[in-house]
Structure formats: C-alpha cells, structure tokens
Protein backbone atom coordinates (compact mmCIF):
# COMPACT_ATOMS: atom_id res chain seq x y z
CA MET A 1 91.51 15.26 7.85
CA CYS A 2 89.80 15.65 11.20
CA SER A 3 91.10 18.31 13.51
CA ARG A 4 92.14 17.50 17.06
CA SER A 5 89.55 19.99 18.28
CA VAL A 6 86.74 17.92 16.74
CA LEU A 7 87.99 14.79 18.50
CA LEU A 8 88.19 16.68 21.79
CA VAL A 9 84.63 17.96 21.40
CA VAL A 10 83.42 14.41 20.72
CA LEU A 11 85.04 13.08 23.88
CA LEU A 12 83.69 15.91 26.00
CA ALA A 13 80.18 15.46 24.63
CA LEU A 14 80.25 11.74 25.28
CA ALA A 15 81.55 12.25 28.80
CA ALA A 16 78.82 14.78 29.53
CA GLY A 17 76.01 12.59 28.27
CA CYS A 18 77.02 9.15 29.55
CA GLU A 19 77.97 7.54 32.84
CA THR A 20 80.48 4.81 33.55
CA THR A 21 78.74 3.54 36.68
CA PRO A 22 76.63 0.36 36.69
CA LEU A 23 73.27 0.61 34.99
CA ARG A 24 70.63 2.43 36.99
CA THR A 25 67.24 3.71 35.97
CA LYS A 26 68.42 7.29 36.28
CA ALA A 27 71.53 6.60 34.21
CA ALA A 28 69.46 4.83 31.56
CA ASP A 29 67.12 7.83 31.35
CA GLN A 30 70.07 10.18 31.00
CA ARG A 31 71.56 8.14 28.17
CA LYS A 32 68.21 8.00 26.40
CA ASP A 33 67.89 11.77 26.66
CA HIS A 34 71.43 12.25 25.36
CA PHE A 35 70.86 10.51 22.03
CA PRO A 36 68.24 12.10 19.73
CA ASN A 37 65.60 9.54 18.84
CA ILE A 38 65.15 10.94 15.34
CA GLN A 39 63.51 9.00 12.53
CA LEU A 40 65.89 7.78 9.86
CA TYR A 41 65.71 5.53 6.81
CA THR A 42 68.09 2.65 6.22
CA GLN A 43 69.69 1.61 2.95
CA ASP A 44 66.80 -0.86 2.63
CA GLY A 45 64.20 1.91 2.97
CA GLU A 46 63.15 0.84 6.46
CA ALA A 47 62.05 3.59 8.86
CA VAL A 48 63.95 3.39 12.15
CA ARG A 49 64.53 5.48 15.25
CA PHE A 50 68.15 6.29 16.03
CA TYR A 51 68.05 5.47 19.73
CA ASP A 52 65.23 2.93 20.00
CA ASP A 53 66.17 0.81 17.00
CA LEU A 54 69.88 1.32 16.41
CA VAL A 55 71.60 2.23 19.67
CA ARG A 56 69.67 1.15 22.77
CA ASP A 57 71.28 -1.76 24.66
CA ARG A 58 73.82 -2.28 21.87
CA ILE A 59 77.53 -1.99 21.27
CA VAL A 60 77.74 0.34 18.29
CA LEU A 61 80.21 2.23 16.14
CA VAL A 62 78.83 5.43 14.61
CA TYR A 63 80.44 7.56 11.94
CA PHE A 64 79.36 10.33 9.57
CA MET A 65 80.00 10.06 5.85
CA PHE A 66 78.56 10.94 2.44
CA THR A 67 78.73 8.91 -0.73
CA THR A 68 80.19 11.64 -2.97
CA CYS A 69 83.00 12.35 -0.50
CA GLN A 70 86.50 11.83 -1.88
CA GLY A 71 89.49 10.91 0.22
CA ILE A 72 88.59 10.57 3.88
CA CYS A 73 85.15 8.91 3.50
CA PRO A 74 86.21 6.05 1.21
CA ALA A 75 89.33 5.53 3.31
CA THR A 76 87.31 5.41 6.53
CA THR A 77 84.64 3.09 5.13
CA ALA A 78 87.25 0.75 3.66
CA ASN A 79 89.02 0.68 7.01
CA MET A 80 85.78 -0.07 8.81
CA VAL A 81 85.32 -3.06 6.50
CA ARG A 82 88.64 -4.34 7.81
CA VAL A 83 87.44 -3.77 11.38
CA GLN A 84 84.18 -5.55 10.51
CA ASP A 85 86.17 -8.58 9.37
CA LEU A 86 88.47 -8.53 12.40
CA LEU A 87 85.44 -8.60 14.72
CA GLY A 88 84.51 -11.97 13.25
CA ASP A 89 81.31 -13.59 14.49
CA ARG A 90 80.65 -10.78 16.95
CA PHE A 91 79.89 -8.40 14.11
CA GLY A 92 76.15 -8.32 13.52
CA GLU A 93 75.53 -10.35 16.68
CA ASP A 94 76.36 -7.93 19.49
CA ILE A 95 78.43 -5.27 17.68
CA PHE A 96 76.87 -3.01 15.05
CA PHE A 97 78.00 -0.18 12.74
CA ILE A 98 75.96 2.89 11.79
CA GLY A 99 76.96 5.14 8.89
CA VAL A 100 75.06 8.45 8.93
CA THR A 101 75.08 10.51 5.75
CA LEU A 102 75.88 14.21 5.96
CA THR A 103 74.15 14.86 2.62
CA PRO A 104 70.69 13.30 2.99
CA GLU A 105 69.35 15.43 0.16
CA THR A 106 71.28 13.28 -2.32
CA ASP A 107 72.06 10.12 -0.34
CA THR A 108 68.73 8.34 -0.69
CA PRO A 109 68.22 4.78 0.60
CA ALA A 110 68.92 3.46 -2.91
CA VAL A 111 72.17 5.42 -3.14
CA LEU A 112 73.23 4.18 0.30
CA LYS A 113 72.35 0.61 -0.71
CA ALA A 114 74.64 0.86 -3.74
CA TYR A 115 77.38 2.31 -1.52
CA ALA A 116 77.02 -0.55 0.98
CA ASP A 117 77.14 -3.13 -1.81
CA GLN A 118 80.23 -1.45 -3.27
CA TYR A 119 82.14 -2.00 -0.04
CA GLY A 120 80.77 -5.43 0.77
CA THR A 121 79.32 -4.51 4.14
CA LYS A 122 77.67 -7.31 6.11
CA PRO A 123 74.36 -7.51 8.01
CA GLY A 124 74.80 -5.47 11.15
CA TRP A 125 76.06 -2.40 9.28
CA THR A 126 73.31 0.13 8.72
CA PHE A 127 73.58 3.25 6.57
CA VAL A 128 70.95 5.87 7.30
CA THR A 129 69.56 9.03 5.79
CA GLY A 130 66.81 11.39 6.93
CA ASP A 131 65.94 15.00 7.55
CA LYS A 132 68.99 17.23 7.11
CA ASP A 133 68.24 19.43 10.14
CA GLU A 134 67.69 16.40 12.38
CA ILE A 135 70.91 14.76 11.20
CA GLU A 136 72.69 18.03 11.93
CA MET A 137 71.23 17.93 15.46
CA LEU A 138 72.42 14.33 15.82
CA ARG A 139 75.91 15.27 14.65
CA ARG A 140 76.14 18.04 17.22
CA LYS A 141 74.57 15.99 19.99
CA THR A 142 77.20 13.29 19.50
CA GLY A 143 79.90 15.96 19.62
CA VAL A 144 81.09 15.62 16.03
CA TYR A 145 81.62 19.31 15.35
CA ASP A 146 84.37 21.88 15.47
CA PRO A 147 84.08 24.96 17.71
CA ASP A 148 85.31 27.06 14.79
CA PRO A 149 82.26 27.67 12.56
CA VAL A 150 84.43 28.00 9.45
CA VAL A 151 86.02 24.60 10.04
CA ASP A 152 82.67 23.14 11.09
CA ALA A 153 81.12 24.14 7.75
CA ASP A 154 83.54 21.78 5.99
CA LEU A 155 81.85 18.36 5.81
CA TYR A 156 85.22 16.67 5.38
CA SER A 157 86.20 17.73 8.91
CA HIS A 158 83.50 15.43 10.34
CA ALA A 159 83.80 12.44 8.06
CA GLY A 160 86.96 10.90 9.50
CA LEU A 161 85.97 10.16 13.08
CA VAL A 162 84.43 6.97 14.45
CA THR A 163 82.59 6.98 17.76
CA PHE A 164 81.99 3.70 19.52
CA GLY A 165 80.61 2.51 22.81
CA ASN A 166 78.40 0.24 24.85
CA GLU A 167 75.07 1.99 25.34
CA SER A 168 74.05 -0.19 28.28
CA THR A 169 77.15 0.76 30.29
CA GLY A 170 77.55 4.30 28.99
CA ARG A 171 81.20 3.77 28.01
CA TRP A 172 82.10 5.69 24.83
CA SER A 173 85.19 6.80 22.97
CA ALA A 174 86.25 8.15 19.58
CA LEU A 175 89.19 7.60 17.24
CA PRO A 176 90.32 8.68 13.76
CA GLY A 177 88.64 6.38 11.25
CA THR A 178 91.87 5.81 9.33
CA MET A 179 93.76 4.53 12.34
CA ARG A 180 95.05 0.97 11.89
CA ALA A 181 92.12 -1.45 11.79
CA ASP A 182 93.61 -3.78 14.39
CA GLN A 183 94.14 -0.87 16.78
CA ILE A 184 90.55 0.32 16.36
CA THR A 185 89.29 -3.22 16.90
CA THR A 186 91.35 -3.67 20.06
CA ALA A 187 90.31 -0.27 21.44
CA MET A 188 86.68 -0.96 20.65
CA LEU A 189 86.63 -4.37 22.33
CA ARG A 190 88.45 -3.03 25.39
CA ARG A 191 86.25 0.03 25.73
CA THR A 192 82.99 -1.86 25.30
CA ARG A 193 83.63 -4.70 27.74
CA PRO A 194 81.50 -4.81 30.89
CA ILE A 195 83.04 -2.47 33.45
CA ALA A 196 83.99 -5.30 35.82
CA GLN A 197 86.05 -6.91 33.05
CA SER A 198 87.78 -3.74 31.85
CA ARG A 199 90.33 -3.65 34.71
CA PRO A 200 93.70 -5.42 34.23
C-alpha cells in the first residue's frame, strides 16, 4: 500500500512544478522543464518522448507499475480499466493513460504488450519502458517517492498512486489507484476542466 508521505510528496512536487494561472509562455516553459523529456518505448515498440509525445497539451493519468507485481499493481490496473470505461468516448480522444514500468530490465515492449492485452486496455493507454536510471529520474521528478530511503526502496510503495492533470493548464492531482473508480473519474474530470469552468 502507498504511504501517506508518498502522496504528500507527489502533491508538493506537482504544486512546485506547475501553475494554475492561464497559459502563458513563461508558464508553458516551466511546465516543459518540470517534466523530463526522456526517451521511452511503448508496448508497440515505438520510440517516444515523455513530454513531447505523451504529455504536452494533453489531459493524462500517469502511474507506475511493473508486470510481475502482485497485489497493488493488478488491482490498480484493473481499477484503471474501470475508469477507462467510465470516461466513455473521451478516453483516447482527449484523455490518455500512461503506465510506466518500474522494472524496465524485464518489462520489454513485448511483455508490456501482453500485459495490456491481458487487461483489455484501449487505444489511448500507453505502457512504456526505457532506461532504468531515466525512469527513476522521472519517478522522482513527478514526486512519486518516499522521503524515507528504506520505504522508497520498496517498489510496491510507488505502484499504487495515480497522478492526473491537464498539462495545458498546469492543474494536477494524485489519488490512490484503488480508490473507487467512479470517484477517481469524477475527481479527474473536475480537476482537468478549464480553470474558468472549475468554479461552482
């Protein structure tokens, strides 16, 4: 299970790297600098850049997982399938999911493809692998780490959080991945609306 300290770190990291003011050139540059533009490989073997190809100008949900994980990872992925279905036609059109493996040394594109097929994920859900050190940098840059190095060394402590937001507005949040699917969907849609529409 994810510790509360990991969730707090995520929220602080997102707040530090993103703005909630209307889009400005300076704000856009800051957001671009916040997200590492590392090269990754999708479950289809396609080379992509994290920021340029997967995040920029998109509403995205990002979570860390690994295919041999037992317990929290399967539960989170299965729950995200329910969220995917609740999003309806918006999924794959203007809302996208990104699953980042924490064990790229074993989770090859082919392994990730089999994992995606196992869960019945739809177009718009990308699983990625890459260089282990760069993925570790991405994990830390997105705030998915525990201040306690002993806890942080446990991969399971990072695999149960989902981070979601609207890159173009800089509005981000994070929730436990096993939270009720309808609650995650509602929170995601509310958090990622244009700022002018987010007020009651």
